[in-house]
Amino acid sequence: VKDGSAESISADYVICTIPPALVTRLDNNLP
């Protein structure tokens, strides 16, 4: 979400550096 608007982006790879506890709060399909 940026400036109140929902956005999305796709890529070949994602590098996640978000603090671990915050990652678990995301909508995700992680095992």
PDB file of all heavy atoms in Angstrom:
ATOM      1  N   VAL A   1       0.850  -1.189   0.000  1.00  0.00           N
ATOM      2  CA  VAL A   1       0.000   0.000   0.000  1.00  0.00           C
ATOM      3  C   VAL A   1       0.883   1.235   0.000  1.00  0.00           C
ATOM      4  O   VAL A   1       1.816   1.349   0.810  1.00  0.00           O
ATOM      5  CB  VAL A   1      -0.931   0.019   1.230  1.00  0.00           C
ATOM      6  CG1 VAL A   1      -1.700   1.327   1.295  1.00  0.00           C
ATOM      7  CG2 VAL A   1      -1.872  -1.172   1.195  1.00  0.00           C
ATOM      8  N   LYS A   2       0.617   2.145  -0.916  1.00  0.00           N
ATOM      9  CA  LYS A   2       1.343   3.410  -0.982  1.00  0.00           C
ATOM     10  C   LYS A   2       0.353   4.539  -1.181  1.00  0.00           C
ATOM     11  O   LYS A   2      -0.473   4.488  -2.111  1.00  0.00           O
ATOM     12  CB  LYS A   2       2.364   3.403  -2.118  1.00  0.00           C
ATOM     13  CG  LYS A   2       3.107   4.729  -2.277  1.00  0.00           C
ATOM     14  CD  LYS A   2       4.196   4.646  -3.321  1.00  0.00           C
ATOM     15  CE  LYS A   2       4.785   6.021  -3.627  1.00  0.00           C
ATOM     16  NZ  LYS A   2       5.343   6.689  -2.425  1.00  0.00           N
ATOM     17  N   ASP A   3       0.426   5.532  -0.300  1.00  0.00           N
ATOM     18  CA  ASP A   3      -0.480   6.681  -0.368  1.00  0.00           C
ATOM     19  C   ASP A   3      -1.944   6.241  -0.385  1.00  0.00           C
ATOM     20  O   ASP A   3      -2.784   6.818  -1.091  1.00  0.00           O
ATOM     21  CB  ASP A   3      -0.179   7.536  -1.603  1.00  0.00           C
ATOM     22  CG  ASP A   3       1.219   8.114  -1.579  1.00  0.00           C
ATOM     23  OD1 ASP A   3       1.714   8.391  -0.468  1.00  0.00           O
ATOM     24  OD2 ASP A   3       1.829   8.263  -2.655  1.00  0.00           O
ATOM     25  N   GLY A   4      -2.245   5.179   0.367  1.00  0.00           N
ATOM     26  CA  GLY A   4      -3.616   4.704   0.474  1.00  0.00           C
ATOM     27  C   GLY A   4      -4.077   3.816  -0.647  1.00  0.00           C
ATOM     28  O   GLY A   4      -5.199   3.301  -0.607  1.00  0.00           O
ATOM     29  N   SER A   5      -3.249   3.603  -1.661  1.00  0.00           N
ATOM     30  CA  SER A   5      -3.641   2.789  -2.808  1.00  0.00           C
ATOM     31  C   SER A   5      -2.939   1.433  -2.771  1.00  0.00           C
ATOM     32  O   SER A   5      -1.745   1.352  -2.465  1.00  0.00           O
ATOM     33  CB  SER A   5      -3.286   3.493  -4.124  1.00  0.00           C
ATOM     34  OG  SER A   5      -3.979   4.717  -4.237  1.00  0.00           O
ATOM     35  N   ALA A   6      -3.682   0.386  -3.098  1.00  0.00           N
ATOM     36  CA  ALA A   6      -3.113  -0.957  -3.142  1.00  0.00           C
ATOM     37  C   ALA A   6      -2.373  -1.153  -4.460  1.00  0.00           C
ATOM     38  O   ALA A   6      -2.894  -0.827  -5.533  1.00  0.00           O
ATOM     39  CB  ALA A   6      -4.211  -1.997  -2.989  1.00  0.00           C
ATOM     40  N   GLU A   7      -1.152  -1.670  -4.363  1.00  0.00           N
ATOM     41  CA  GLU A   7      -0.319  -1.900  -5.538  1.00  0.00           C
ATOM     42  C   GLU A   7       0.233  -3.320  -5.460  1.00  0.00           C
ATOM     43  O   GLU A   7       0.220  -3.964  -4.412  1.00  0.00           O
ATOM     44  CB  GLU A   7       0.853  -0.907  -5.581  1.00  0.00           C
ATOM     45  CG  GLU A   7       0.469   0.544  -5.465  1.00  0.00           C
ATOM     46  CD  GLU A   7      -0.027   1.127  -6.773  1.00  0.00           C
ATOM     47  OE1 GLU A   7       0.117   0.436  -7.809  1.00  0.00           O
ATOM     48  OE2 GLU A   7      -0.557   2.250  -6.771  1.00  0.00           O
ATOM     49  N   SER A   8       0.731  -3.815  -6.583  1.00  0.00           N
ATOM     50  CA  SER A   8       1.409  -5.110  -6.586  1.00  0.00           C
ATOM     51  C   SER A   8       2.551  -5.076  -7.587  1.00  0.00           C
ATOM     52  O   SER A   8       2.538  -4.282  -8.540  1.00  0.00           O
ATOM     53  CB  SER A   8       0.436  -6.244  -6.923  1.00  0.00           C
ATOM     54  OG  SER A   8       0.008  -6.164  -8.257  1.00  0.00           O
ATOM     55  N   ILE A   9       3.517  -5.940  -7.365  1.00  0.00           N
ATOM     56  CA  ILE A   9       4.673  -6.028  -8.251  1.00  0.00           C
ATOM     57  C   ILE A   9       5.138  -7.477  -8.262  1.00  0.00           C
ATOM     58  O   ILE A   9       5.134  -8.148  -7.227  1.00  0.00           O
ATOM     59  CB  ILE A   9       5.808  -5.077  -7.793  1.00  0.00           C
ATOM     60  CG1 ILE A   9       6.972  -5.117  -8.771  1.00  0.00           C
ATOM     61  CG2 ILE A   9       6.267  -5.390  -6.377  1.00  0.00           C
ATOM     62  CD1 ILE A   9       8.033  -4.038  -8.483  1.00  0.00           C
ATOM     63  N   SER A  10       5.514  -7.952  -9.417  1.00  0.00           N
ATOM     64  CA  SER A  10       6.004  -9.313  -9.574  1.00  0.00           C
ATOM     65  C   SER A  10       7.435  -9.286 -10.086  1.00  0.00           C
ATOM     66  O   SER A  10       7.861  -8.333 -10.742  1.00  0.00           O
ATOM     67  CB  SER A  10       5.117 -10.103 -10.545  1.00  0.00           C
ATOM     68  OG  SER A  10       3.808 -10.227 -10.034  1.00  0.00           O
ATOM     69  N   ALA A  11       8.185 -10.331  -9.760  1.00  0.00           N
ATOM     70  CA  ALA A  11       9.588 -10.393 -10.167  1.00  0.00           C
ATOM     71  C   ALA A  11      10.031 -11.842 -10.229  1.00  0.00           C
ATOM     72  O   ALA A  11       9.329 -12.758  -9.768  1.00  0.00           O
ATOM     73  CB  ALA A  11      10.456  -9.616  -9.174  1.00  0.00           C
ATOM     74  N   ASP A  12      11.203 -12.042 -10.806  1.00  0.00           N
ATOM     75  CA  ASP A  12      11.777 -13.390 -10.860  1.00  0.00           C
ATOM     76  C   ASP A  12      12.151 -13.872  -9.464  1.00  0.00           C
ATOM     77  O   ASP A  12      12.025 -15.060  -9.157  1.00  0.00           O
ATOM     78  CB  ASP A  12      13.014 -13.401 -11.752  1.00  0.00           C
ATOM     79  CG  ASP A  12      12.701 -13.035 -13.195  1.00  0.00           C
ATOM     80  OD1 ASP A  12      11.676 -13.527 -13.713  1.00  0.00           O
ATOM     81  OD2 ASP A  12      13.461 -12.249 -13.789  1.00  0.00           O
ATOM     82  N   TYR A  13      12.622 -12.926  -8.624  1.00  0.00           N
ATOM     83  CA  TYR A  13      13.056 -13.272  -7.269  1.00  0.00           C
ATOM     84  C   TYR A  13      12.675 -12.153  -6.312  1.00  0.00           C
ATOM     85  O   TYR A  13      12.545 -10.989  -6.706  1.00  0.00           O
ATOM     86  CB  TYR A  13      14.578 -13.479  -7.208  1.00  0.00           C
ATOM     87  CG  TYR A  13      15.077 -14.559  -8.143  1.00  0.00           C
ATOM     88  CD1 TYR A  13      15.566 -14.229  -9.405  1.00  0.00           C
ATOM     89  CD2 TYR A  13      15.045 -15.892  -7.762  1.00  0.00           C
ATOM     90  CE1 TYR A  13      16.003 -15.219 -10.278  1.00  0.00           C
ATOM     91  CE2 TYR A  13      15.493 -16.893  -8.618  1.00  0.00           C
ATOM     92  CZ  TYR A  13      15.966 -16.549  -9.879  1.00  0.00           C
ATOM     93  OH  TYR A  13      16.392 -17.527 -10.738  1.00  0.00           O
ATOM     94  N   VAL A  14      12.512 -12.516  -5.035  1.00  0.00           N
ATOM     95  CA  VAL A  14      12.263 -11.545  -3.979  1.00  0.00           C
ATOM     96  C   VAL A  14      13.303 -11.769  -2.881  1.00  0.00           C
ATOM     97  O   VAL A  14      13.582 -12.909  -2.494  1.00  0.00           O
ATOM     98  CB  VAL A  14      10.851 -11.684  -3.378  1.00  0.00           C
ATOM     99  CG1 VAL A  14      10.723 -10.876  -2.088  1.00  0.00           C
ATOM    100  CG2 VAL A  14       9.800 -11.227  -4.390  1.00  0.00           C
ATOM    101  N   ILE A  15      13.888 -10.671  -2.398  1.00  0.00           N
ATOM    102  CA  ILE A  15      14.770 -10.722  -1.229  1.00  0.00           C
ATOM    103  C   ILE A  15      14.048 -10.001  -0.102  1.00  0.00           C
ATOM    104  O   ILE A  15      13.782  -8.798  -0.188  1.00  0.00           O
ATOM    105  CB  ILE A  15      16.127 -10.052  -1.494  1.00  0.00           C
ATOM    106  CG1 ILE A  15      16.851 -10.722  -2.658  1.00  0.00           C
ATOM    107  CG2 ILE A  15      17.004 -10.090  -0.241  1.00  0.00           C
ATOM    108  CD1 ILE A  15      18.153 -10.042  -3.054  1.00  0.00           C
ATOM    109  N   CYS A  16      13.717 -10.735   0.946  1.00  0.00           N
ATOM    110  CA  CYS A  16      12.961 -10.165   2.069  1.00  0.00           C
ATOM    111  C   CYS A  16      13.909  -9.839   3.214  1.00  0.00           C
ATOM    112  O   CYS A  16      14.505 -10.748   3.810  1.00  0.00           O
ATOM    113  CB  CYS A  16      11.897 -11.151   2.527  1.00  0.00           C
ATOM    114  SG  CYS A  16      10.922 -10.545   3.925  1.00  0.00           S
ATOM    115  N   THR A  17      14.047  -8.563   3.535  1.00  0.00           N
ATOM    116  CA  THR A  17      14.880  -8.128   4.660  1.00  0.00           C
ATOM    117  C   THR A  17      14.043  -7.552   5.792  1.00  0.00           C
ATOM    118  O   THR A  17      14.575  -6.952   6.728  1.00  0.00           O
ATOM    119  CB  THR A  17      15.921  -7.084   4.205  1.00  0.00           C
ATOM    120  OG1 THR A  17      15.270  -5.827   3.949  1.00  0.00           O
ATOM    121  CG2 THR A  17      16.663  -7.534   2.962  1.00  0.00           C
ATOM    122  N   ILE A  18      12.734  -7.721   5.715  1.00  0.00           N
ATOM    123  CA  ILE A  18      11.828  -7.245   6.762  1.00  0.00           C
ATOM    124  C   ILE A  18      12.119  -8.021   8.051  1.00  0.00           C
ATOM    125  O   ILE A  18      12.410  -9.223   8.008  1.00  0.00           O
ATOM    126  CB  ILE A  18      10.367  -7.449   6.329  1.00  0.00           C
ATOM    127  CG1 ILE A  18      10.059  -6.581   5.097  1.00  0.00           C
ATOM    128  CG2 ILE A  18       9.400  -7.116   7.450  1.00  0.00           C
ATOM    129  CD1 ILE A  18       8.698  -6.858   4.489  1.00  0.00           C
ATOM    130  N   PRO A  19      12.065  -7.384   9.221  1.00  0.00           N
ATOM    131  CA  PRO A  19      12.285  -8.112  10.475  1.00  0.00           C
ATOM    132  C   PRO A  19      11.409  -9.363  10.553  1.00  0.00           C
ATOM    133  O   PRO A  19      10.222  -9.331  10.168  1.00  0.00           O
ATOM    134  CB  PRO A  19      11.904  -7.086  11.548  1.00  0.00           C
ATOM    135  CG  PRO A  19      12.219  -5.761  10.912  1.00  0.00           C
ATOM    136  CD  PRO A  19      11.862  -5.936   9.464  1.00  0.00           C
ATOM    137  N   PRO A  20      11.965 -10.487  11.049  1.00  0.00           N
ATOM    138  CA  PRO A  20      11.262 -11.778  11.009  1.00  0.00           C
ATOM    139  C   PRO A  20       9.837 -11.746  11.549  1.00  0.00           C
ATOM    140  O   PRO A  20       8.919 -12.293  10.918  1.00  0.00           O
ATOM    141  CB  PRO A  20      12.157 -12.682  11.862  1.00  0.00           C
ATOM    142  CG  PRO A  20      13.515 -12.089  11.741  1.00  0.00           C
ATOM    143  CD  PRO A  20      13.310 -10.610  11.645  1.00  0.00           C
ATOM    144  N   ALA A  21       9.631 -11.117  12.702  1.00  0.00           N
ATOM    145  CA  ALA A  21       8.291 -11.116  13.298  1.00  0.00           C
ATOM    146  C   ALA A  21       7.280 -10.424  12.403  1.00  0.00           C
ATOM    147  O   ALA A  21       6.097 -10.799  12.375  1.00  0.00           O
ATOM    148  CB  ALA A  21       8.334 -10.446  14.664  1.00  0.00           C
ATOM    149  N   LEU A  22       7.710  -9.401  11.662  1.00  0.00           N
ATOM    150  CA  LEU A  22       6.794  -8.662  10.802  1.00  0.00           C
ATOM    151  C   LEU A  22       6.443  -9.452   9.545  1.00  0.00           C
ATOM    152  O   LEU A  22       5.370  -9.251   8.962  1.00  0.00           O
ATOM    153  CB  LEU A  22       7.394  -7.307  10.429  1.00  0.00           C
ATOM    154  CG  LEU A  22       7.821  -6.406  11.591  1.00  0.00           C
ATOM    155  CD1 LEU A  22       8.154  -5.012  11.088  1.00  0.00           C
ATOM    156  CD2 LEU A  22       6.718  -6.327  12.651  1.00  0.00           C
ATOM    157  N   VAL A  23       7.347 -10.334   9.108  1.00  0.00           N
ATOM    158  CA  VAL A  23       7.072 -11.151   7.926  1.00  0.00           C
ATOM    159  C   VAL A  23       5.878 -12.064   8.179  1.00  0.00           C
ATOM    160  O   VAL A  23       5.034 -12.278   7.305  1.00  0.00           O
ATOM    161  CB  VAL A  23       8.307 -11.988   7.543  1.00  0.00           C
ATOM    162  CG1 VAL A  23       7.988 -12.866   6.325  1.00  0.00           C
ATOM    163  CG2 VAL A  23       9.494 -11.088   7.232  1.00  0.00           C
ATOM    164  N   THR A  24       5.785 -12.590   9.390  1.00  0.00           N
ATOM    165  CA  THR A  24       4.708 -13.538   9.704  1.00  0.00           C
ATOM    166  C   THR A  24       3.327 -12.887   9.683  1.00  0.00           C
ATOM    167  O   THR A  24       2.315 -13.594   9.629  1.00  0.00           O
ATOM    168  CB  THR A  24       4.942 -14.184  11.084  1.00  0.00           C
ATOM    169  OG1 THR A  24       4.896 -13.186  12.110  1.00  0.00           O
ATOM    170  CG2 THR A  24       6.299 -14.884  11.135  1.00  0.00           C
ATOM    171  N   ARG A  25       3.276 -11.570   9.730  1.00  0.00           N
ATOM    172  CA  ARG A  25       1.989 -10.863   9.712  1.00  0.00           C
ATOM    173  C   ARG A  25       1.478 -10.636   8.293  1.00  0.00           C
ATOM    174  O   ARG A  25       0.335 -10.216   8.094  1.00  0.00           O
ATOM    175  CB  ARG A  25       2.107  -9.520  10.420  1.00  0.00           C
ATOM    176  CG  ARG A  25       2.556  -9.621  11.872  1.00  0.00           C
ATOM    177  CD  ARG A  25       2.724  -8.241  12.469  1.00  0.00           C
ATOM    178  NE  ARG A  25       3.421  -8.288  13.749  1.00  0.00           N
ATOM    179  CZ  ARG A  25       3.816  -7.203  14.417  1.00  0.00           C
ATOM    180  NH1 ARG A  25       3.567  -5.996  13.907  1.00  0.00           N
ATOM    181  NH2 ARG A  25       4.462  -7.323  15.558  1.00  0.00           N
ATOM    182  N   LEU A  26       2.325 -10.859   7.306  1.00  0.00           N
ATOM    183  CA  LEU A  26       1.935 -10.624   5.922  1.00  0.00           C
ATOM    184  C   LEU A  26       1.029 -11.743   5.426  1.00  0.00           C
ATOM    185  O   LEU A  26       1.117 -12.894   5.873  1.00  0.00           O
ATOM    186  CB  LEU A  26       3.170 -10.548   5.026  1.00  0.00           C
ATOM    187  CG  LEU A  26       4.257  -9.529   5.390  1.00  0.00           C
ATOM    188  CD1 LEU A  26       5.424  -9.658   4.419  1.00  0.00           C
ATOM    189  CD2 LEU A  26       3.692  -8.114   5.375  1.00  0.00           C
ATOM    190  N   ASP A  27       0.172 -11.419   4.476  1.00  0.00           N
ATOM    191  CA  ASP A  27      -0.556 -12.449   3.752  1.00  0.00           C
ATOM    192  C   ASP A  27       0.485 -13.190   2.917  1.00  0.00           C
ATOM    193  O   ASP A  27       1.173 -12.587   2.087  1.00  0.00           O
ATOM    194  CB  ASP A  27      -1.611 -11.793   2.864  1.00  0.00           C
ATOM    195  CG  ASP A  27      -2.441 -12.808   2.091  1.00  0.00           C
ATOM    196  OD1 ASP A  27      -2.394 -14.007   2.438  1.00  0.00           O
ATOM    197  OD2 ASP A  27      -3.104 -12.403   1.120  1.00  0.00           O
ATOM    198  N   ASN A  28       0.653 -14.494   3.145  1.00  0.00           N
ATOM    199  CA  ASN A  28       1.747 -15.208   2.503  1.00  0.00           C
ATOM    200  C   ASN A  28       1.376 -16.661   2.244  1.00  0.00           C
ATOM    201  O   ASN A  28       0.394 -17.161   2.784  1.00  0.00           O
ATOM    202  CB  ASN A  28       3.008 -15.136   3.369  1.00  0.00           C
ATOM    203  CG  ASN A  28       2.866 -15.903   4.667  1.00  0.00           C
ATOM    204  OD1 ASN A  28       3.039 -17.122   4.706  1.00  0.00           O
ATOM    205  ND2 ASN A  28       2.535 -15.179   5.753  1.00  0.00           N
ATOM    206  N   ASN A  29       2.181 -17.317   1.425  1.00  0.00           N
ATOM    207  CA  ASN A  29       2.029 -18.757   1.221  1.00  0.00           C
ATOM    208  C   ASN A  29       3.319 -19.483   1.586  1.00  0.00           C
ATOM    209  O   ASN A  29       3.676 -20.496   0.974  1.00  0.00           O
ATOM    210  CB  ASN A  29       1.599 -19.087  -0.213  1.00  0.00           C
ATOM    211  CG  ASN A  29       2.592 -18.581  -1.262  1.00  0.00           C
ATOM    212  OD1 ASN A  29       3.613 -17.977  -0.929  1.00  0.00           O
ATOM    213  ND2 ASN A  29       2.288 -18.843  -2.533  1.00  0.00           N
ATOM    214  N   LEU A  30       3.999 -18.960   2.594  1.00  0.00           N
ATOM    215  CA  LEU A  30       5.209 -19.597   3.084  1.00  0.00           C
ATOM    216  C   LEU A  30       4.869 -20.873   3.830  1.00  0.00           C
ATOM    217  O   LEU A  30       3.827 -20.947   4.502  1.00  0.00           O
ATOM    218  CB  LEU A  30       5.974 -18.647   4.019  1.00  0.00           C
ATOM    219  CG  LEU A  30       6.501 -17.351   3.402  1.00  0.00           C
ATOM    220  CD1 LEU A  30       7.025 -16.415   4.490  1.00  0.00           C
ATOM    221  CD2 LEU A  30       7.596 -17.641   2.374  1.00  0.00           C
ATOM    222  N   PRO A  31       5.713 -21.901   3.757  1.00  0.00           N
ATOM    223  CA  PRO A  31       5.455 -23.153   4.469  1.00  0.00           C
ATOM    224  C   PRO A  31       5.398 -22.942   5.973  1.00  0.00           C
ATOM    225  O   PRO A  31       6.002 -22.004   6.511  1.00  0.00           O
ATOM    226  CB  PRO A  31       6.636 -24.043   4.079  1.00  0.00           C
ATOM    227  CG  PRO A  31       7.189 -23.440   2.833  1.00  0.00           C
ATOM    228  CD  PRO A  31       6.946 -21.960   2.945  1.00  0.00           C
TER     229      PRO A  31
END
